[in-house]
Amino acid sequence: PSVLGKMLWGCVVLLDPGKANDGLSASFGQLCGRLALSQESRRRRKIRYLVHGACLIERAILGQQLRHDGGEEVMTQHQELFAAVAQAVHTVEAAFSIKIDDTELAYITELMATE
């Protein structure tokens, strides 16, 4: 596994880290295809995306949600990015038979919108 894949081994309890890494990496690639990011910016965001995404999948499996008080504001300020994130996570949702709620999508949007 890649260094990022190995990092996920310490982050998840329920998931197969390899499957999580594969699904999230594909989703991230799809999302980055819609964004103009430098290689360095893409690398930093990928680390955050993979770690948060793996934890997000576990929360969804357990029926838990991450609370994000500013979620509505993020969705309003970054409408296009939010839509791109929502589209990109469809593969993750299908692979793990989960539904990722808007609060989690807003958090991912915020991660992608900031350096």
PDB file of N, CA and C in Angstrom:
ATOM      1  N   PRO A   1       0.821  -1.207   0.000  1.00  0.00           N
ATOM      2  CA  PRO A   1       0.000   0.000   0.000  1.00  0.00           C
ATOM      3  C   PRO A   1       0.863   1.268   0.000  1.00  0.00           C
ATOM      4  N   SER A   2       0.273   2.352  -0.468  1.00  0.00           N
ATOM      5  CA  SER A   2       0.961   3.639  -0.479  1.00  0.00           C
ATOM      6  C   SER A   2       1.132   4.142   0.951  1.00  0.00           C
ATOM      7  N   VAL A   3       1.912   5.203   1.090  1.00  0.00           N
ATOM      8  CA  VAL A   3       2.103   5.804   2.413  1.00  0.00           C
ATOM      9  C   VAL A   3       0.763   6.272   2.969  1.00  0.00           C
ATOM     10  N   LEU A   4      -0.052   6.887   2.108  1.00  0.00           N
ATOM     11  CA  LEU A   4      -1.369   7.334   2.558  1.00  0.00           C
ATOM     12  C   LEU A   4      -2.247   6.148   2.936  1.00  0.00           C
ATOM     13  N   GLY A   5      -2.157   5.085   2.166  1.00  0.00           N
ATOM     14  CA  GLY A   5      -2.923   3.882   2.490  1.00  0.00           C
ATOM     15  C   GLY A   5      -2.522   3.314   3.831  1.00  0.00           C
ATOM     16  N   LYS A   6      -1.229   3.295   4.102  1.00  0.00           N
ATOM     17  CA  LYS A   6      -0.731   2.803   5.392  1.00  0.00           C
ATOM     18  C   LYS A   6      -1.209   3.690   6.531  1.00  0.00           C
ATOM     19  N   MET A   7      -1.286   4.998   6.278  1.00  0.00           N
ATOM     20  CA  MET A   7      -1.741   5.933   7.293  1.00  0.00           C
ATOM     21  C   MET A   7      -3.175   5.617   7.722  1.00  0.00           C
ATOM     22  N   LEU A   8      -3.985   5.150   6.789  1.00  0.00           N
ATOM     23  CA  LEU A   8      -5.376   4.843   7.112  1.00  0.00           C
ATOM     24  C   LEU A   8      -5.506   3.661   8.072  1.00  0.00           C
ATOM     25  N   TRP A   9      -4.502   2.784   8.085  1.00  0.00           N
ATOM     26  CA  TRP A   9      -4.557   1.633   8.996  1.00  0.00           C
ATOM     27  C   TRP A   9      -4.721   2.082  10.437  1.00  0.00           C
ATOM     28  N   GLY A  10      -4.165   3.229  10.808  1.00  0.00           N
ATOM     29  CA  GLY A  10      -4.278   3.730  12.171  1.00  0.00           C
ATOM     30  C   GLY A  10      -5.519   4.558  12.422  1.00  0.00           C
ATOM     31  N   CYS A  11      -6.280   4.843  11.376  1.00  0.00           N
ATOM     32  CA  CYS A  11      -7.441   5.730  11.501  1.00  0.00           C
ATOM     33  C   CYS A  11      -8.778   4.993  11.576  1.00  0.00           C
ATOM     34  N   VAL A  12      -8.810   3.761  11.083  1.00  0.00           N
ATOM     35  CA  VAL A  12     -10.100   3.075  10.990  1.00  0.00           C
ATOM     36  C   VAL A  12     -10.100   1.779  11.792  1.00  0.00           C
ATOM     37  N   VAL A  13     -11.281   1.417  12.252  1.00  0.00           N
ATOM     38  CA  VAL A  13     -11.453   0.201  13.036  1.00  0.00           C
ATOM     39  C   VAL A  13     -12.290  -0.817  12.271  1.00  0.00           C
ATOM     40  N   LEU A  14     -13.371  -0.359  11.657  1.00  0.00           N
ATOM     41  CA  LEU A  14     -14.329  -1.251  11.000  1.00  0.00           C
ATOM     42  C   LEU A  14     -13.993  -1.543   9.542  1.00  0.00           C
ATOM     43  N   LEU A  15     -13.318  -0.625   8.899  1.00  0.00           N
ATOM     44  CA  LEU A  15     -13.120  -0.701   7.446  1.00  0.00           C
ATOM     45  C   LEU A  15     -11.872  -1.459   7.063  1.00  0.00           C
ATOM     46  N   ASP A  16     -11.898  -1.960   5.839  1.00  0.00           N
ATOM     47  CA  ASP A  16     -10.692  -2.450   5.192  1.00  0.00           C
ATOM     48  C   ASP A  16      -9.986  -1.190   4.682  1.00  0.00           C
ATOM     49  N   PRO A  17      -8.834  -0.841   5.256  1.00  0.00           N
ATOM     50  CA  PRO A  17      -8.157   0.393   4.848  1.00  0.00           C
ATOM     51  C   PRO A  17      -7.814   0.431   3.358  1.00  0.00           C
ATOM     52  N   GLY A  18      -7.510  -0.707   2.770  1.00  0.00           N
ATOM     53  CA  GLY A  18      -7.201  -0.738   1.343  1.00  0.00           C
ATOM     54  C   GLY A  18      -8.406  -0.364   0.508  1.00  0.00           C
ATOM     55  N   LYS A  19      -9.565  -0.901   0.847  1.00  0.00           N
ATOM     56  CA  LYS A  19     -10.787  -0.576   0.118  1.00  0.00           C
ATOM     57  C   LYS A  19     -11.150   0.899   0.322  1.00  0.00           C
ATOM     58  N   ALA A  20     -10.980   1.392   1.548  1.00  0.00           N
ATOM     59  CA  ALA A  20     -11.260   2.804   1.820  1.00  0.00           C
ATOM     60  C   ALA A  20     -10.324   3.693   1.004  1.00  0.00           C
ATOM     61  N   ASN A  21      -9.042   3.358   0.997  1.00  0.00           N
ATOM     62  CA  ASN A  21      -8.059   4.136   0.245  1.00  0.00           C
ATOM     63  C   ASN A  21      -8.394   4.144  -1.242  1.00  0.00           C
ATOM     64  N   ASP A  22      -8.718   2.981  -1.789  1.00  0.00           N
ATOM     65  CA  ASP A  22      -9.036   2.893  -3.217  1.00  0.00           C
ATOM     66  C   ASP A  22     -10.261   3.737  -3.574  1.00  0.00           C
ATOM     67  N   GLY A  23     -11.330   3.577  -2.801  1.00  0.00           N
ATOM     68  CA  GLY A  23     -12.563   4.309  -3.086  1.00  0.00           C
ATOM     69  C   GLY A  23     -12.412   5.809  -2.915  1.00  0.00           C
ATOM     70  N   LEU A  24     -11.750   6.201  -1.824  1.00  0.00           N
ATOM     71  CA  LEU A  24     -11.570   7.625  -1.564  1.00  0.00           C
ATOM     72  C   LEU A  24     -10.587   8.256  -2.553  1.00  0.00           C
ATOM     73  N   SER A  25      -9.556   7.528  -2.937  1.00  0.00           N
ATOM     74  CA  SER A  25      -8.605   8.061  -3.925  1.00  0.00           C
ATOM     75  C   SER A  25      -9.287   8.283  -5.273  1.00  0.00           C
ATOM     76  N   ALA A  26     -10.137   7.340  -5.671  1.00  0.00           N
ATOM     77  CA  ALA A  26     -10.879   7.502  -6.924  1.00  0.00           C
ATOM     78  C   ALA A  26     -11.818   8.707  -6.841  1.00  0.00           C
ATOM     79  N   SER A  27     -12.498   8.837  -5.724  1.00  0.00           N
ATOM     80  CA  SER A  27     -13.402   9.959  -5.514  1.00  0.00           C
ATOM     81  C   SER A  27     -12.637  11.283  -5.531  1.00  0.00           C
ATOM     82  N   PHE A  28     -11.484  11.307  -4.869  1.00  0.00           N
ATOM     83  CA  PHE A  28     -10.661  12.511  -4.839  1.00  0.00           C
ATOM     84  C   PHE A  28     -10.179  12.876  -6.243  1.00  0.00           C
ATOM     85  N   GLY A  29      -9.760  11.880  -7.002  1.00  0.00           N
ATOM     86  CA  GLY A  29      -9.322  12.125  -8.372  1.00  0.00           C
ATOM     87  C   GLY A  29     -10.426  12.727  -9.218  1.00  0.00           C
ATOM     88  N   GLN A  30     -11.621  12.202  -9.054  1.00  0.00           N
ATOM     89  CA  GLN A  30     -12.775  12.735  -9.794  1.00  0.00           C
ATOM     90  C   GLN A  30     -13.023  14.190  -9.392  1.00  0.00           C
ATOM     91  N   LEU A  31     -12.960  14.459  -8.112  1.00  0.00           N
ATOM     92  CA  LEU A  31     -13.185  15.824  -7.625  1.00  0.00           C
ATOM     93  C   LEU A  31     -12.102  16.773  -8.135  1.00  0.00           C
ATOM     94  N   CYS A  32     -10.853  16.354  -8.078  1.00  0.00           N
ATOM     95  CA  CYS A  32      -9.751  17.214  -8.528  1.00  0.00           C
ATOM     96  C   CYS A  32      -9.795  17.463 -10.024  1.00  0.00           C
ATOM     97  N   GLY A  33     -10.409  16.561 -10.755  1.00  0.00           N
ATOM     98  CA  GLY A  33     -10.577  16.763 -12.185  1.00  0.00           C
ATOM     99  C   GLY A  33     -11.445  17.970 -12.494  1.00  0.00           C
ATOM    100  N   ARG A  34     -12.225  18.395 -11.512  1.00  0.00           N
ATOM    101  CA  ARG A  34     -13.107  19.544 -11.689  1.00  0.00           C
ATOM    102  C   ARG A  34     -12.520  20.827 -11.101  1.00  0.00           C
ATOM    103  N   LEU A  35     -11.374  20.708 -10.424  1.00  0.00           N
ATOM    104  CA  LEU A  35     -10.766  21.861  -9.754  1.00  0.00           C
ATOM    105  C   LEU A  35      -9.389  22.145 -10.335  1.00  0.00           C
ATOM    106  N   ALA A  36      -9.012  23.400 -10.329  1.00  0.00           N
ATOM    107  CA  ALA A  36      -7.671  23.788 -10.783  1.00  0.00           C
ATOM    108  C   ALA A  36      -6.778  23.932  -9.557  1.00  0.00           C
ATOM    109  N   LEU A  37      -6.033  22.865  -9.239  1.00  0.00           N
ATOM    110  CA  LEU A  37      -5.176  22.870  -8.058  1.00  0.00           C
ATOM    111  C   LEU A  37      -3.733  22.589  -8.446  1.00  0.00           C
ATOM    112  N   SER A  38      -2.823  23.240  -7.762  1.00  0.00           N
ATOM    113  CA  SER A  38      -1.406  22.930  -7.972  1.00  0.00           C
ATOM    114  C   SER A  38      -1.141  21.533  -7.418  1.00  0.00           C
ATOM    115  N   GLN A  39      -0.038  20.952  -7.829  1.00  0.00           N
ATOM    116  CA  GLN A  39       0.325  19.611  -7.360  1.00  0.00           C
ATOM    117  C   GLN A  39       0.477  19.595  -5.841  1.00  0.00           C
ATOM    118  N   GLU A  40       1.114  20.621  -5.278  1.00  0.00           N
ATOM    119  CA  GLU A  40       1.324  20.694  -3.829  1.00  0.00           C
ATOM    120  C   GLU A  40      -0.002  20.858  -3.092  1.00  0.00           C
ATOM    121  N   SER A  41      -0.856  21.717  -3.598  1.00  0.00           N
ATOM    122  CA  SER A  41      -2.166  21.927  -2.985  1.00  0.00           C
ATOM    123  C   SER A  41      -2.995  20.646  -3.047  1.00  0.00           C
ATOM    124  N   ARG A  42      -2.904  19.958  -4.162  1.00  0.00           N
ATOM    125  CA  ARG A  42      -3.618  18.689  -4.330  1.00  0.00           C
ATOM    126  C   ARG A  42      -3.126  17.645  -3.323  1.00  0.00           C
ATOM    127  N   ARG A  43      -1.814  17.576  -3.112  1.00  0.00           N
ATOM    128  CA  ARG A  43      -1.234  16.617  -2.175  1.00  0.00           C
ATOM    129  C   ARG A  43      -1.732  16.867  -0.748  1.00  0.00           C
ATOM    130  N   ARG A  44      -1.698  18.131  -0.327  1.00  0.00           N
ATOM    131  CA  ARG A  44      -2.155  18.466   1.032  1.00  0.00           C
ATOM    132  C   ARG A  44      -3.631  18.155   1.210  1.00  0.00           C
ATOM    133  N   ARG A  45      -4.423  18.471   0.221  1.00  0.00           N
ATOM    134  CA  ARG A  45      -5.856  18.215   0.315  1.00  0.00           C
ATOM    135  C   ARG A  45      -6.153  16.706   0.311  1.00  0.00           C
ATOM    136  N   LYS A  46      -5.366  15.959  -0.437  1.00  0.00           N
ATOM    137  CA  LYS A  46      -5.615  14.517  -0.506  1.00  0.00           C
ATOM    138  C   LYS A  46      -5.435  13.861   0.860  1.00  0.00           C
ATOM    139  N   ILE A  47      -4.424  14.264   1.587  1.00  0.00           N
ATOM    140  CA  ILE A  47      -4.214  13.712   2.928  1.00  0.00           C
ATOM    141  C   ILE A  47      -5.434  13.965   3.795  1.00  0.00           C
ATOM    142  N   ARG A  48      -5.908  15.196   3.817  1.00  0.00           N
ATOM    143  CA  ARG A  48      -7.100  15.533   4.622  1.00  0.00           C
ATOM    144  C   ARG A  48      -8.327  14.778   4.138  1.00  0.00           C
ATOM    145  N   TYR A  49      -8.475  14.695   2.820  1.00  0.00           N
ATOM    146  CA  TYR A  49      -9.641  14.023   2.231  1.00  0.00           C
ATOM    147  C   TYR A  49      -9.673  12.545   2.620  1.00  0.00           C
ATOM    148  N   LEU A  50      -8.539  11.880   2.514  1.00  0.00           N
ATOM    149  CA  LEU A  50      -8.493  10.448   2.824  1.00  0.00           C
ATOM    150  C   LEU A  50      -8.751  10.177   4.300  1.00  0.00           C
ATOM    151  N   VAL A  51      -8.107  10.929   5.170  1.00  0.00           N
ATOM    152  CA  VAL A  51      -8.285  10.698   6.607  1.00  0.00           C
ATOM    153  C   VAL A  51      -9.718  11.022   7.015  1.00  0.00           C
ATOM    154  N   HIS A  52     -10.206  12.192   6.625  1.00  0.00           N
ATOM    155  CA  HIS A  52     -11.588  12.534   6.972  1.00  0.00           C
ATOM    156  C   HIS A  52     -12.565  11.563   6.327  1.00  0.00           C
ATOM    157  N   GLY A  53     -12.321  11.222   5.073  1.00  0.00           N
ATOM    158  CA  GLY A  53     -13.227  10.322   4.366  1.00  0.00           C
ATOM    159  C   GLY A  53     -13.325   8.953   5.013  1.00  0.00           C
ATOM    160  N   ALA A  54     -12.211   8.404   5.456  1.00  0.00           N
ATOM    161  CA  ALA A  54     -12.249   7.091   6.115  1.00  0.00           C
ATOM    162  C   ALA A  54     -13.055   7.162   7.409  1.00  0.00           C
ATOM    163  N   CYS A  55     -12.843   8.216   8.180  1.00  0.00           N
ATOM    164  CA  CYS A  55     -13.613   8.377   9.427  1.00  0.00           C
ATOM    165  C   CYS A  55     -15.080   8.620   9.125  1.00  0.00           C
ATOM    166  N   LEU A  56     -15.349   9.370   8.060  1.00  0.00           N
ATOM    167  CA  LEU A  56     -16.720   9.647   7.628  1.00  0.00           C
ATOM    168  C   LEU A  56     -17.450   8.348   7.279  1.00  0.00           C
ATOM    169  N   ILE A  57     -16.785   7.470   6.548  1.00  0.00           N
ATOM    170  CA  ILE A  57     -17.407   6.196   6.171  1.00  0.00           C
ATOM    171  C   ILE A  57     -17.758   5.402   7.424  1.00  0.00           C
ATOM    172  N   GLU A  58     -16.856   5.345   8.370  1.00  0.00           N
ATOM    173  CA  GLU A  58     -17.138   4.606   9.610  1.00  0.00           C
ATOM    174  C   GLU A  58     -18.309   5.231  10.361  1.00  0.00           C
ATOM    175  N   ARG A  59     -18.354   6.570  10.438  1.00  0.00           N
ATOM    176  CA  ARG A  59     -19.488   7.217  11.108  1.00  0.00           C
ATOM    177  C   ARG A  59     -20.798   6.874  10.404  1.00  0.00           C
ATOM    178  N   ALA A  60     -20.793   6.883   9.074  1.00  0.00           N
ATOM    179  CA  ALA A  60     -22.010   6.574   8.323  1.00  0.00           C
ATOM    180  C   ALA A  60     -22.453   5.135   8.573  1.00  0.00           C
ATOM    181  N   ILE A  61     -21.500   4.217   8.614  1.00  0.00           N
ATOM    182  CA  ILE A  61     -21.833   2.808   8.887  1.00  0.00           C
ATOM    183  C   ILE A  61     -22.455   2.669  10.280  1.00  0.00           C
ATOM    184  N   LEU A  62     -21.931   3.434  11.239  1.00  0.00           N
ATOM    185  CA  LEU A  62     -22.422   3.369  12.619  1.00  0.00           C
ATOM    186  C   LEU A  62     -23.668   4.229  12.845  1.00  0.00           C
ATOM    187  N   GLY A  63     -24.091   4.971  11.816  1.00  0.00           N
ATOM    188  CA  GLY A  63     -25.271   5.820  11.952  1.00  0.00           C
ATOM    189  C   GLY A  63     -24.996   7.079  12.755  1.00  0.00           C
ATOM    190  N   GLN A  64     -23.753   7.509  12.797  1.00  0.00           N
ATOM    191  CA  GLN A  64     -23.373   8.722  13.525  1.00  0.00           C
ATOM    192  C   GLN A  64     -23.142   9.851  12.541  1.00  0.00           C
ATOM    193  N   GLN A  65     -23.257  11.084  13.046  1.00  0.00           N
ATOM    194  CA  GLN A  65     -23.030  12.252  12.193  1.00  0.00           C
ATOM    195  C   GLN A  65     -22.021  13.177  12.841  1.00  0.00           C
ATOM    196  N   LEU A  66     -21.261  13.846  12.029  1.00  0.00           N
ATOM    197  CA  LEU A  66     -20.357  14.883  12.502  1.00  0.00           C
ATOM    198  C   LEU A  66     -21.152  16.180  12.553  1.00  0.00           C
ATOM    199  N   ARG A  67     -21.121  16.832  13.666  1.00  0.00           N
ATOM    200  CA  ARG A  67     -21.842  18.099  13.793  1.00  0.00           C
ATOM    201  C   ARG A  67     -21.001  19.216  13.177  1.00  0.00           C
ATOM    202  N   HIS A  68     -21.628  20.044  12.365  1.00  0.00           N
ATOM    203  CA  HIS A  68     -20.936  21.169  11.727  1.00  0.00           C
ATOM    204  C   HIS A  68     -21.871  22.367  11.787  1.00  0.00           C
ATOM    205  N   ASP A  69     -21.639  23.224  12.777  1.00  0.00           N
ATOM    206  CA  ASP A  69     -22.534  24.363  12.988  1.00  0.00           C
ATOM    207  C   ASP A  69     -22.559  25.343  11.817  1.00  0.00           C
ATOM    208  N   GLY A  70     -21.472  25.418  11.061  1.00  0.00           N
ATOM    209  CA  GLY A  70     -21.419  26.346   9.929  1.00  0.00           C
ATOM    210  C   GLY A  70     -21.726  25.688   8.596  1.00  0.00           C
ATOM    211  N   GLY A  71     -22.299  24.492   8.631  1.00  0.00           N
ATOM    212  CA  GLY A  71     -22.551  23.738   7.409  1.00  0.00           C
ATOM    213  C   GLY A  71     -23.398  24.464   6.383  1.00  0.00           C
ATOM    214  N   GLU A  72     -24.455  25.084   6.806  1.00  0.00           N
ATOM    215  CA  GLU A  72     -25.340  25.802   5.883  1.00  0.00           C
ATOM    216  C   GLU A  72     -24.594  26.947   5.201  1.00  0.00           C
ATOM    217  N   GLU A  73     -23.776  27.644   5.965  1.00  0.00           N
ATOM    218  CA  GLU A  73     -23.003  28.758   5.415  1.00  0.00           C
ATOM    219  C   GLU A  73     -21.994  28.255   4.377  1.00  0.00           C
ATOM    220  N   VAL A  74     -21.345  27.141   4.662  1.00  0.00           N
ATOM    221  CA  VAL A  74     -20.386  26.557   3.709  1.00  0.00           C
ATOM    222  C   VAL A  74     -21.101  26.177   2.423  1.00  0.00           C
ATOM    223  N   MET A  75     -22.269  25.548   2.543  1.00  0.00           N
ATOM    224  CA  MET A  75     -23.028  25.138   1.364  1.00  0.00           C
ATOM    225  C   MET A  75     -23.427  26.344   0.514  1.00  0.00           C
ATOM    226  N   THR A  76     -23.758  27.455   1.164  1.00  0.00           N
ATOM    227  CA  THR A  76     -24.153  28.669   0.451  1.00  0.00           C
ATOM    228  C   THR A  76     -22.955  29.354  -0.186  1.00  0.00           C
ATOM    229  N   GLN A  77     -21.856  29.474   0.549  1.00  0.00           N
ATOM    230  CA  GLN A  77     -20.676  30.173   0.042  1.00  0.00           C
ATOM    231  C   GLN A  77     -19.965  29.415  -1.078  1.00  0.00           C
ATOM    232  N   HIS A  78     -20.036  28.109  -1.043  1.00  0.00           N
ATOM    233  CA  HIS A  78     -19.283  27.276  -1.995  1.00  0.00           C
ATOM    234  C   HIS A  78     -20.224  26.309  -2.728  1.00  0.00           C
ATOM    235  N   GLN A  79     -21.275  26.851  -3.320  1.00  0.00           N
ATOM    236  CA  GLN A  79     -22.304  26.020  -3.950  1.00  0.00           C
ATOM    237  C   GLN A  79     -21.744  25.094  -5.022  1.00  0.00           C
ATOM    238  N   GLU A  80     -20.907  25.611  -5.903  1.00  0.00           N
ATOM    239  CA  GLU A  80     -20.367  24.778  -6.985  1.00  0.00           C
ATOM    240  C   GLU A  80     -19.451  23.694  -6.450  1.00  0.00           C
ATOM    241  N   LEU A  81     -18.602  24.032  -5.504  1.00  0.00           N
ATOM    242  CA  LEU A  81     -17.709  23.047  -4.904  1.00  0.00           C
ATOM    243  C   LEU A  81     -18.513  22.003  -4.136  1.00  0.00           C
ATOM    244  N   PHE A  82     -19.540  22.435  -3.411  1.00  0.00           N
ATOM    245  CA  PHE A  82     -20.405  21.504  -2.681  1.00  0.00           C
ATOM    246  C   PHE A  82     -21.038  20.505  -3.651  1.00  0.00           C
ATOM    247  N   ALA A  83     -21.524  20.986  -4.784  1.00  0.00           N
ATOM    248  CA  ALA A  83     -22.133  20.104  -5.787  1.00  0.00           C
ATOM    249  C   ALA A  83     -21.101  19.124  -6.344  1.00  0.00           C
ATOM    250  N   ALA A  84     -19.873  19.602  -6.571  1.00  0.00           N
ATOM    251  CA  ALA A  84     -18.810  18.724  -7.077  1.00  0.00           C
ATOM    252  C   ALA A  84     -18.453  17.651  -6.054  1.00  0.00           C
ATOM    253  N   VAL A  85     -18.393  18.030  -4.787  1.00  0.00           N
ATOM    254  CA  VAL A  85     -18.116  17.065  -3.716  1.00  0.00           C
ATOM    255  C   VAL A  85     -19.238  16.027  -3.650  1.00  0.00           C
ATOM    256  N   ALA A  86     -20.479  16.490  -3.695  1.00  0.00           N
ATOM    257  CA  ALA A  86     -21.620  15.574  -3.636  1.00  0.00           C
ATOM    258  C   ALA A  86     -21.571  14.563  -4.779  1.00  0.00           C
ATOM    259  N   GLN A  87     -21.190  15.017  -5.959  1.00  0.00           N
ATOM    260  CA  GLN A  87     -21.087  14.121  -7.111  1.00  0.00           C
ATOM    261  C   GLN A  87     -19.936  13.130  -6.931  1.00  0.00           C
ATOM    262  N   ALA A  88     -18.803  13.624  -6.452  1.00  0.00           N
ATOM    263  CA  ALA A  88     -17.605  12.781  -6.322  1.00  0.00           C
ATOM    264  C   ALA A  88     -17.780  11.664  -5.295  1.00  0.00           C
ATOM    265  N   VAL A  89     -18.570  11.887  -4.266  1.00  0.00           N
ATOM    266  CA  VAL A  89     -18.702  10.861  -3.223  1.00  0.00           C
ATOM    267  C   VAL A  89     -19.705   9.763  -3.580  1.00  0.00           C
ATOM    268  N   HIS A  90     -20.380   9.885  -4.700  1.00  0.00           N
ATOM    269  CA  HIS A  90     -21.325   8.829  -5.091  1.00  0.00           C
ATOM    270  C   HIS A  90     -20.645   7.464  -5.179  1.00  0.00           C
ATOM    271  N   THR A  91     -19.422   7.420  -5.683  1.00  0.00           N
ATOM    272  CA  THR A  91     -18.723   6.138  -5.790  1.00  0.00           C
ATOM    273  C   THR A  91     -18.435   5.551  -4.413  1.00  0.00           C
ATOM    274  N   VAL A  92     -18.123   6.404  -3.452  1.00  0.00           N
ATOM    275  CA  VAL A  92     -17.868   5.948  -2.080  1.00  0.00           C
ATOM    276  C   VAL A  92     -19.168   5.431  -1.466  1.00  0.00           C
ATOM    277  N   GLU A  93     -20.244   6.178  -1.673  1.00  0.00           N
ATOM    278  CA  GLU A  93     -21.540   5.750  -1.147  1.00  0.00           C
ATOM    279  C   GLU A  93     -21.924   4.377  -1.704  1.00  0.00           C
ATOM    280  N   ALA A  94     -21.720   4.182  -2.990  1.00  0.00           N
ATOM    281  CA  ALA A  94     -22.070   2.903  -3.617  1.00  0.00           C
ATOM    282  C   ALA A  94     -21.169   1.779  -3.126  1.00  0.00           C
ATOM    283  N   ALA A  95     -19.879   2.048  -2.996  1.00  0.00           N
ATOM    284  CA  ALA A  95     -18.927   1.009  -2.588  1.00  0.00           C
ATOM    285  C   ALA A  95     -19.180   0.518  -1.171  1.00  0.00           C
ATOM    286  N   PHE A  96     -19.660   1.403  -0.300  1.00  0.00           N
ATOM    287  CA  PHE A  96     -19.855   1.040   1.100  1.00  0.00           C
ATOM    288  C   PHE A  96     -21.323   0.970   1.511  1.00  0.00           C
ATOM    289  N   SER A  97     -22.222   1.109   0.548  1.00  0.00           N
ATOM    290  CA  SER A  97     -23.673   1.061   0.813  1.00  0.00           C
ATOM    291  C   SER A  97     -24.058   2.012   1.938  1.00  0.00           C
ATOM    292  N   ILE A  98     -23.648   3.262   1.794  1.00  0.00           N
ATOM    293  CA  ILE A  98     -23.946   4.288   2.785  1.00  0.00           C
ATOM    294  C   ILE A  98     -24.521   5.514   2.087  1.00  0.00           C
ATOM    295  N   LYS A  99     -25.083   6.415   2.883  1.00  0.00           N
ATOM    296  CA  LYS A  99     -25.531   7.725   2.402  1.00  0.00           C
ATOM    297  C   LYS A  99     -24.776   8.770   3.213  1.00  0.00           C
ATOM    298  N   ILE A 100     -24.052   9.634   2.530  1.00  0.00           N
ATOM    299  CA  ILE A 100     -23.296  10.684   3.192  1.00  0.00           C
ATOM    300  C   ILE A 100     -24.178  11.921   3.262  1.00  0.00           C
ATOM    301  N   ASP A 101     -24.432  12.391   4.482  1.00  0.00           N
ATOM    302  CA  ASP A 101     -25.369  13.508   4.642  1.00  0.00           C
ATOM    303  C   ASP A 101     -24.714  14.852   4.310  1.00  0.00           C
ATOM    304  N   ASP A 102     -25.554  15.873   4.179  1.00  0.00           N
ATOM    305  CA  ASP A 102     -25.084  17.193   3.770  1.00  0.00           C
ATOM    306  C   ASP A 102     -24.101  17.808   4.765  1.00  0.00           C
ATOM    307  N   THR A 103     -24.242  17.492   6.045  1.00  0.00           N
ATOM    308  CA  THR A 103     -23.314  18.012   7.043  1.00  0.00           C
ATOM    309  C   THR A 103     -21.899  17.529   6.753  1.00  0.00           C
ATOM    310  N   GLU A 104     -21.758  16.253   6.454  1.00  0.00           N
ATOM    311  CA  GLU A 104     -20.452  15.689   6.112  1.00  0.00           C
ATOM    312  C   GLU A 104     -19.945  16.272   4.795  1.00  0.00           C
ATOM    313  N   LEU A 105     -20.832  16.431   3.826  1.00  0.00           N
ATOM    314  CA  LEU A 105     -20.440  17.016   2.545  1.00  0.00           C
ATOM    315  C   LEU A 105     -19.957  18.456   2.728  1.00  0.00           C
ATOM    316  N   ALA A 106     -20.597  19.190   3.635  1.00  0.00           N
ATOM    317  CA  ALA A 106     -20.179  20.565   3.913  1.00  0.00           C
ATOM    318  C   ALA A 106     -18.778  20.571   4.528  1.00  0.00           C
ATOM    319  N   TYR A 107     -18.499  19.610   5.380  1.00  0.00           N
ATOM    320  CA  TYR A 107     -17.175  19.537   5.999  1.00  0.00           C
ATOM    321  C   TYR A 107     -16.116  19.230   4.939  1.00  0.00           C
ATOM    322  N   ILE A 108     -16.403  18.293   4.045  1.00  0.00           N
ATOM    323  CA  ILE A 108     -15.467  17.986   2.960  1.00  0.00           C
ATOM    324  C   ILE A 108     -15.276  19.215   2.077  1.00  0.00           C
ATOM    325  N   THR A 109     -16.362  19.914   1.775  1.00  0.00           N
ATOM    326  CA  THR A 109     -16.295  21.133   0.971  1.00  0.00           C
ATOM    327  C   THR A 109     -15.370  22.152   1.620  1.00  0.00           C
ATOM    328  N   GLU A 110     -15.514  22.308   2.914  1.00  0.00           N
ATOM    329  CA  GLU A 110     -14.660  23.245   3.640  1.00  0.00           C
ATOM    330  C   GLU A 110     -13.196  22.815   3.592  1.00  0.00           C
ATOM    331  N   LEU A 111     -12.928  21.525   3.728  1.00  0.00           N
ATOM    332  CA  LEU A 111     -11.566  21.011   3.634  1.00  0.00           C
ATOM    333  C   LEU A 111     -10.969  21.301   2.251  1.00  0.00           C
ATOM    334  N   MET A 112     -11.769  21.146   1.233  1.00  0.00           N
ATOM    335  CA  MET A 112     -11.286  21.359  -0.138  1.00  0.00           C
ATOM    336  C   MET A 112     -11.145  22.843  -0.472  1.00  0.00           C
ATOM    337  N   ALA A 113     -11.903  23.691   0.189  1.00  0.00           N
ATOM    338  CA  ALA A 113     -11.907  25.123  -0.125  1.00  0.00           C
ATOM    339  C   ALA A 113     -10.756  25.876   0.542  1.00  0.00           C
ATOM    340  N   THR A 114     -10.129  25.259   1.541  1.00  0.00           N
ATOM    341  CA  THR A 114      -9.085  25.952   2.296  1.00  0.00           C
ATOM    342  C   THR A 114      -7.735  25.304   2.097  1.00  0.00           C
ATOM    343  N   GLU A 115      -6.698  26.103   2.145  1.00  0.00           N
ATOM    344  CA  GLU A 115      -5.330  25.576   2.072  1.00  0.00           C
ATOM    345  C   GLU A 115      -5.027  24.989   3.413  1.00  0.00           C
TER     346      GLU A 115
END
